[in-house]
C-alpha atoms as a PDB file:
ATOM      1  CA  MET A   1     122.551  89.019  87.257  1.00  0.00           C
ATOM      2  CA  TRP A   2     119.307  88.108  88.656  1.00  0.00           C
ATOM      3  CA  LEU A   3     117.522  88.573  85.034  1.00  0.00           C
ATOM      4  CA  GLU A   4     119.815  85.802  83.648  1.00  0.00           C
ATOM      5  CA  LYS A   5     119.233  83.563  86.610  1.00  0.00           C
ATOM      6  CA  ALA A   6     115.226  84.260  86.127  1.00  0.00           C
ATOM      7  CA  GLU A   7     115.550  83.400  82.179  1.00  0.00           C
ATOM      8  CA  PHE A   8     117.456  80.206  83.132  1.00  0.00           C
ATOM      9  CA  HIS A   9     114.858  79.200  85.835  1.00  0.00           C
ATOM     10  CA  CYS A  10     112.031  80.016  83.540  1.00  0.00           C
ATOM     11  CA  ARG A  11     113.611  78.206  80.267  1.00  0.00           C
ATOM     12  CA  ARG A  12     114.261  75.127  82.620  1.00  0.00           C
ATOM     13  CA  ALA A  13     111.001  75.075  84.189  1.00  0.00           C
ATOM     14  CA  LEU A  14     109.441  74.814  80.641  1.00  0.00           C
ATOM     15  CA  GLU A  15     111.908  72.277  79.345  1.00  0.00           C
ATOM     16  CA  ILE A  16     110.822  69.965  81.807  1.00  0.00           C
ATOM     17  CA  ASP A  17     107.165  70.716  81.828  1.00  0.00           C
ATOM     18  CA  ALA A  18     106.006  72.795  78.600  1.00  0.00           C
ATOM     19  CA  GLU A  19     102.581  72.559  79.866  1.00  0.00           C
ATOM     20  CA  LEU A  20     103.490  74.482  83.065  1.00  0.00           C
ATOM     21  CA  PRO A  21     100.907  77.387  83.142  1.00  0.00           C
ATOM     22  CA  GLU A  22     103.115  79.408  85.560  1.00  0.00           C
ATOM     23  CA  GLY A  23     106.410  78.844  83.433  1.00  0.00           C
ATOM     24  CA  HIS A  24     104.451  80.565  80.686  1.00  0.00           C
ATOM     25  CA  VAL A  25     103.412  83.745  82.652  1.00  0.00           C
ATOM     26  CA  ALA A  26     106.806  83.916  83.973  1.00  0.00           C
ATOM     27  CA  ARG A  27     108.131  84.068  80.465  1.00  0.00           C
ATOM     28  CA  ALA A  28     105.719  86.560  79.657  1.00  0.00           C
ATOM     29  CA  PHE A  29     106.965  88.818  82.538  1.00  0.00           C
ATOM     30  CA  LEU A  30     110.324  88.574  81.206  1.00  0.00           C
ATOM     31  CA  LEU A  31     109.697  89.359  77.794  1.00  0.00           C
ATOM     32  CA  TRP A  32     107.520  92.101  78.425  1.00  0.00           C
ATOM     33  CA  GLY A  33     109.795  94.502  80.072  1.00  0.00           C
ATOM     34  CA  PRO A  34     113.214  97.077  79.665  1.00  0.00           C
ATOM     35  CA  SER A  35     115.532  94.300  79.260  1.00  0.00           C
ATOM     36  CA  LYS A  36     113.620  92.685  76.548  1.00  0.00           C
ATOM     37  CA  ASN A  37     112.239  95.860  74.780  1.00  0.00           C
ATOM     38  CA  PHE A  38     108.669  95.157  75.592  1.00  0.00           C
ATOM     39  CA  GLN A  39     108.234  92.389  73.502  1.00  0.00           C
ATOM     40  CA  HIS A  40     104.441  92.263  73.663  1.00  0.00           C
ATOM     41  CA  ALA A  41     103.302  90.068  70.644  1.00  0.00           C
ATOM     42  CA  GLU A  42     105.324  87.195  72.148  1.00  0.00           C
ATOM     43  CA  ALA A  43     104.243  88.167  75.928  1.00  0.00           C
ATOM     44  CA  ILE A  44     100.521  88.066  75.018  1.00  0.00           C
ATOM     45  CA  ALA A  45     101.231  84.749  73.304  1.00  0.00           C
ATOM     46  CA  GLU A  46     102.898  83.452  76.340  1.00  0.00           C
ATOM     47  CA  LEU A  47      99.831  84.318  78.223  1.00  0.00           C
ATOM     48  CA  LYS A  48      97.233  83.107  76.257  1.00  0.00           C
ATOM     49  CA  ARG A  49      98.951  79.927  76.238  1.00  0.00           C
ATOM     50  CA  ALA A  50      99.174  80.143  80.288  1.00  0.00           C
ATOM     51  CA  LEU A  51      95.231  80.710  80.302  1.00  0.00           C
ATOM     52  CA  ILE A  52      94.454  77.996  77.746  1.00  0.00           C
ATOM     53  CA  LEU A  53      96.375  75.517  80.191  1.00  0.00           C
ATOM     54  CA  GLN A  54      94.949  77.190  83.397  1.00  0.00           C
ATOM     55  CA  ASN A  55      92.289  79.908  83.055  1.00  0.00           C
ATOM     56  CA  ASN A  56      92.235  80.624  86.698  1.00  0.00           C
ATOM     57  CA  LEU A  57      95.511  82.897  87.072  1.00  0.00           C
ATOM     58  CA  PRO A  58      94.630  86.395  87.882  1.00  0.00           C
ATOM     59  CA  HIS A  59      98.065  87.653  87.526  1.00  0.00           C
ATOM     60  CA  ALA A  60      98.266  86.251  83.998  1.00  0.00           C
ATOM     61  CA  TYR A  61      94.643  88.270  83.250  1.00  0.00           C
ATOM     62  CA  ASN A  62      96.070  91.307  84.912  1.00  0.00           C
ATOM     63  CA  ARG A  63      99.699  91.355  83.234  1.00  0.00           C
ATOM     64  CA  LEU A  64      97.768  90.949  79.808  1.00  0.00           C
ATOM     65  CA  GLY A  65      95.495  93.893  80.680  1.00  0.00           C
ATOM     66  CA  THR A  66      98.474  95.996  81.313  1.00  0.00           C
ATOM     67  CA  ILE A  67     100.155  94.873  77.957  1.00  0.00           C
ATOM     68  CA  LEU A  68      96.944  95.282  76.227  1.00  0.00           C
ATOM     69  CA  ALA A  69      96.499  98.899  77.521  1.00  0.00           C
ATOM     70  CA  HIS A  70     100.018 100.012  76.745  1.00  0.00           C
ATOM     71  CA  ILE A  71      99.456  98.783  73.264  1.00  0.00           C
ATOM     72  CA  GLY A  72      96.047 100.893  72.980  1.00  0.00           C
ATOM     73  CA  LEU A  73      93.714  97.981  73.104  1.00  0.00           C
ATOM     74  CA  LEU A  74      91.992  99.637  75.871  1.00  0.00           C
ATOM     75  CA  ASP A  75      88.650  97.619  75.904  1.00  0.00           C
ATOM     76  CA  HIS A  76      90.452  94.215  75.497  1.00  0.00           C
ATOM     77  CA  ALA A  77      92.481  95.495  78.517  1.00  0.00           C
ATOM     78  CA  ARG A  78      89.491  96.307  80.560  1.00  0.00           C
ATOM     79  CA  GLU A  79      88.286  92.922  79.609  1.00  0.00           C
ATOM     80  CA  MET A  80      90.858  91.001  80.757  1.00  0.00           C
ATOM     81  CA  TYR A  81      91.277  92.854  84.118  1.00  0.00           C
ATOM     82  CA  GLU A  82      87.379  91.872  84.576  1.00  0.00           C
ATOM     83  CA  ARG A  83      88.034  87.997  83.719  1.00  0.00           C
ATOM     84  CA  GLY A  84      90.805  88.137  86.357  1.00  0.00           C
ATOM     85  CA  ARG A  85      88.365  89.188  89.078  1.00  0.00           C
ATOM     86  CA  PRO A  86      86.738  85.586  89.797  1.00  0.00           C
ATOM     87  CA  PHE A  87      89.900  84.406  90.600  1.00  0.00           C
ATOM     88  CA  ASP A  88      91.214  86.999  92.829  1.00  0.00           C
ATOM     89  CA  PRO A  89      90.874  86.030  96.581  1.00  0.00           C
ATOM     90  CA  ARG A  90      89.195  89.862  97.337  1.00  0.00           C
ATOM     91  CA  LYS A  91      86.873  89.184  93.737  1.00  0.00           C
ATOM     92  CA  ALA A  92      88.401  92.577  92.973  1.00  0.00           C
ATOM     93  CA  VAL A  93      89.721  93.883  89.516  1.00  0.00           C
ATOM     94  CA  ALA A  94      93.174  94.798  89.630  1.00  0.00           C
ATOM     95  CA  HIS A  95      94.208  98.215  90.866  1.00  0.00           C
ATOM     96  CA  SER A  96      95.878  98.799  87.506  1.00  0.00           C
ATOM     97  CA  ILE A  97      92.592  99.139  85.635  1.00  0.00           C
ATOM     98  CA  ALA A  98      93.291 102.566  86.636  1.00  0.00           C
ATOM     99  CA  GLN A  99      95.587 103.090  83.613  1.00  0.00           C
ATOM    100  CA  VAL A 100      92.732 102.108  81.398  1.00  0.00           C
ATOM    101  CA  TYR A 101      90.210 104.332  83.077  1.00  0.00           C
ATOM    102  CA  ILE A 102      92.467 107.260  82.662  1.00  0.00           C
ATOM    103  CA  TRP A 103      93.302 106.789  79.113  1.00  0.00           C
ATOM    104  CA  ARG A 104      89.488 106.568  78.180  1.00  0.00           C
ATOM    105  CA  ARG A 105      88.865 109.431  80.135  1.00  0.00           C
ATOM    106  CA  GLU A 106      86.831 107.779  82.567  1.00  0.00           C
ATOM    107  CA  TYR A 107      88.240 109.938  85.419  1.00  0.00           C
ATOM    108  CA  GLU A 108      85.533 109.228  88.161  1.00  0.00           C
ATOM    109  CA  LEU A 109      86.283 105.775  87.771  1.00  0.00           C
ATOM    110  CA  ALA A 110      89.781 106.418  87.741  1.00  0.00           C
ATOM    111  CA  HIS A 111      89.643 108.660  90.846  1.00  0.00           C
ATOM    112  CA  GLU A 112      87.540 105.840  92.608  1.00  0.00           C
ATOM    113  CA  GLU A 113      89.918 103.054  91.977  1.00  0.00           C
ATOM    114  CA  ILE A 114      93.307 105.071  93.022  1.00  0.00           C
ATOM    115  CA  GLN A 115      91.452 105.939  96.134  1.00  0.00           C
ATOM    116  CA  ALA A 116      90.675 102.508  96.875  1.00  0.00           C
ATOM    117  CA  TRP A 117      94.458 101.465  95.911  1.00  0.00           C
ATOM    118  CA  ARG A 118      96.035 104.196  98.037  1.00  0.00           C
ATOM    119  CA  ALA A 119      93.731 103.155 101.041  1.00  0.00           C
ATOM    120  CA  GLU A 120      94.958  99.765 100.743  1.00  0.00           C
ATOM    121  CA  SER A 121      98.671 100.547 100.089  1.00  0.00           C
ATOM    122  CA  PRO A 122      99.264 104.034 100.947  1.00  0.00           C
ATOM    123  CA  SER A 123     103.150 103.603  99.697  1.00  0.00           C
ATOM    124  CA  SER A 124     102.416 102.106  96.579  1.00  0.00           C
ATOM    125  CA  LYS A 125     104.593 104.092  93.626  1.00  0.00           C
ATOM    126  CA  TYR A 126     101.969 103.066  91.066  1.00  0.00           C
ATOM    127  CA  ALA A 127      99.225 104.228  92.941  1.00  0.00           C
ATOM    128  CA  ILE A 128     100.823 107.783  93.423  1.00  0.00           C
ATOM    129  CA  TYR A 129     101.918 107.318  90.073  1.00  0.00           C
ATOM    130  CA  PHE A 130      98.463 107.100  88.647  1.00  0.00           C
ATOM    131  CA  ALA A 131      96.907 109.572  91.014  1.00  0.00           C
ATOM    132  CA  ALA A 132      99.520 112.150  89.801  1.00  0.00           C
ATOM    133  CA  GLN A 133      98.690 111.116  86.064  1.00  0.00           C
ATOM    134  CA  LEU A 134      94.833 111.565  86.816  1.00  0.00           C
ATOM    135  CA  ALA A 135      95.367 114.920  88.438  1.00  0.00           C
ATOM    136  CA  MET A 136      97.465 116.303  85.498  1.00  0.00           C
ATOM    137  CA  MET A 137      94.901 114.908  83.170  1.00  0.00           C
ATOM    138  CA  THR A 138      92.277 116.722  84.730  1.00  0.00           C
ATOM    139  CA  GLU A 139      94.556 120.051  85.022  1.00  0.00           C
ATOM    140  CA  ASP A 140      94.333 119.572  89.012  1.00  0.00           C
ATOM    141  CA  TRP A 141      97.846 121.246  89.081  1.00  0.00           C
ATOM    142  CA  LYS A 142      97.893 121.655  92.767  1.00  0.00           C
ATOM    143  CA  GLU A 143      96.760 118.207  93.471  1.00  0.00           C
ATOM    144  CA  ALA A 144      99.709 117.111  90.756  1.00  0.00           C
ATOM    145  CA  GLU A 145     102.419 119.077  92.815  1.00  0.00           C
ATOM    146  CA  GLY A 146     101.221 117.667  95.800  1.00  0.00           C
ATOM    147  CA  LEU A 147     101.098 114.146  94.766  1.00  0.00           C
ATOM    148  CA  LEU A 148     104.737 114.405  92.908  1.00  0.00           C
ATOM    149  CA  ASP A 149     106.276 115.917  96.565  1.00  0.00           C
ATOM    150  CA  GLU A 150     104.613 112.940  98.242  1.00  0.00           C
ATOM    151  CA  ALA A 151     106.523 110.765  95.642  1.00  0.00           C
ATOM    152  CA  LEU A 152     109.590 112.161  96.107  1.00  0.00           C
ATOM    153  CA  GLN A 153     109.246 111.432 100.000  1.00  0.00           C
ATOM    154  CA  LEU A 154     108.580 107.855  99.206  1.00  0.00           C
ATOM    155  CA  LEU A 155     111.246 107.440  96.092  1.00  0.00           C
ATOM    156  CA  PRO A 156     113.801 110.208  96.938  1.00  0.00           C
ATOM    157  CA  ARG A 157     116.300 108.256  94.600  1.00  0.00           C
ATOM    158  CA  ASN A 158     114.222 108.244  91.647  1.00  0.00           C
ATOM    159  CA  ARG A 159     115.261 110.738  89.233  1.00  0.00           C
ATOM    160  CA  SER A 160     112.368 110.669  86.948  1.00  0.00           C
ATOM    161  CA  SER A 161     109.809 111.697  89.629  1.00  0.00           C
ATOM    162  CA  SER A 162     112.406 114.922  90.228  1.00  0.00           C
ATOM    163  CA  ALA A 163     112.083 115.445  86.319  1.00  0.00           C
ATOM    164  CA  CYS A 164     108.579 114.949  86.027  1.00  0.00           C
ATOM    165  CA  ARG A 165     107.935 117.214  88.849  1.00  0.00           C
ATOM    166  CA  ALA A 166     110.235 120.079  87.351  1.00  0.00           C
ATOM    167  CA  SER A 167     108.164 119.636  84.113  1.00  0.00           C
ATOM    168  CA  CYS A 168     105.092 119.690  85.620  1.00  0.00           C
ATOM    169  CA  THR A 169     105.742 123.021  87.688  1.00  0.00           C
ATOM    170  CA  HIS A 170     107.282 125.077  84.734  1.00  0.00           C
END
């Protein structure tokens, strides 16, 4: 029901003003999700359109970075995260750049980013997810187990955490 409402309002906003950058960003968020089977090409096009209309949208750069990372364009993803930095109120790169660092095997950079993220948002499920992923990639199984236990405490209803923990400890 919420998704249908979001799609309706996004579509309506773009009907009223096809040049509304935030409307294109919203459409990209709707396109690149499980309900739309992660339509990356369409979402990328919407984000590029938004940035042509208004180039100071950090959330557009960050979403573009995330999508590009997930389709394997790690250098381009990193560039998008960096391009968003000047428009962030803290002048910081989005913490999600950690996924690029991990997937490029830049473990020290990933560790630094995740530590900063966890200090800023101790209960962020994404920070814990990336911390656990980094621990597994570096074969620090004790750290991974501790992080997965922590994730279970924060997200007790999340069955994927339980499944991940079970697969990591066996």
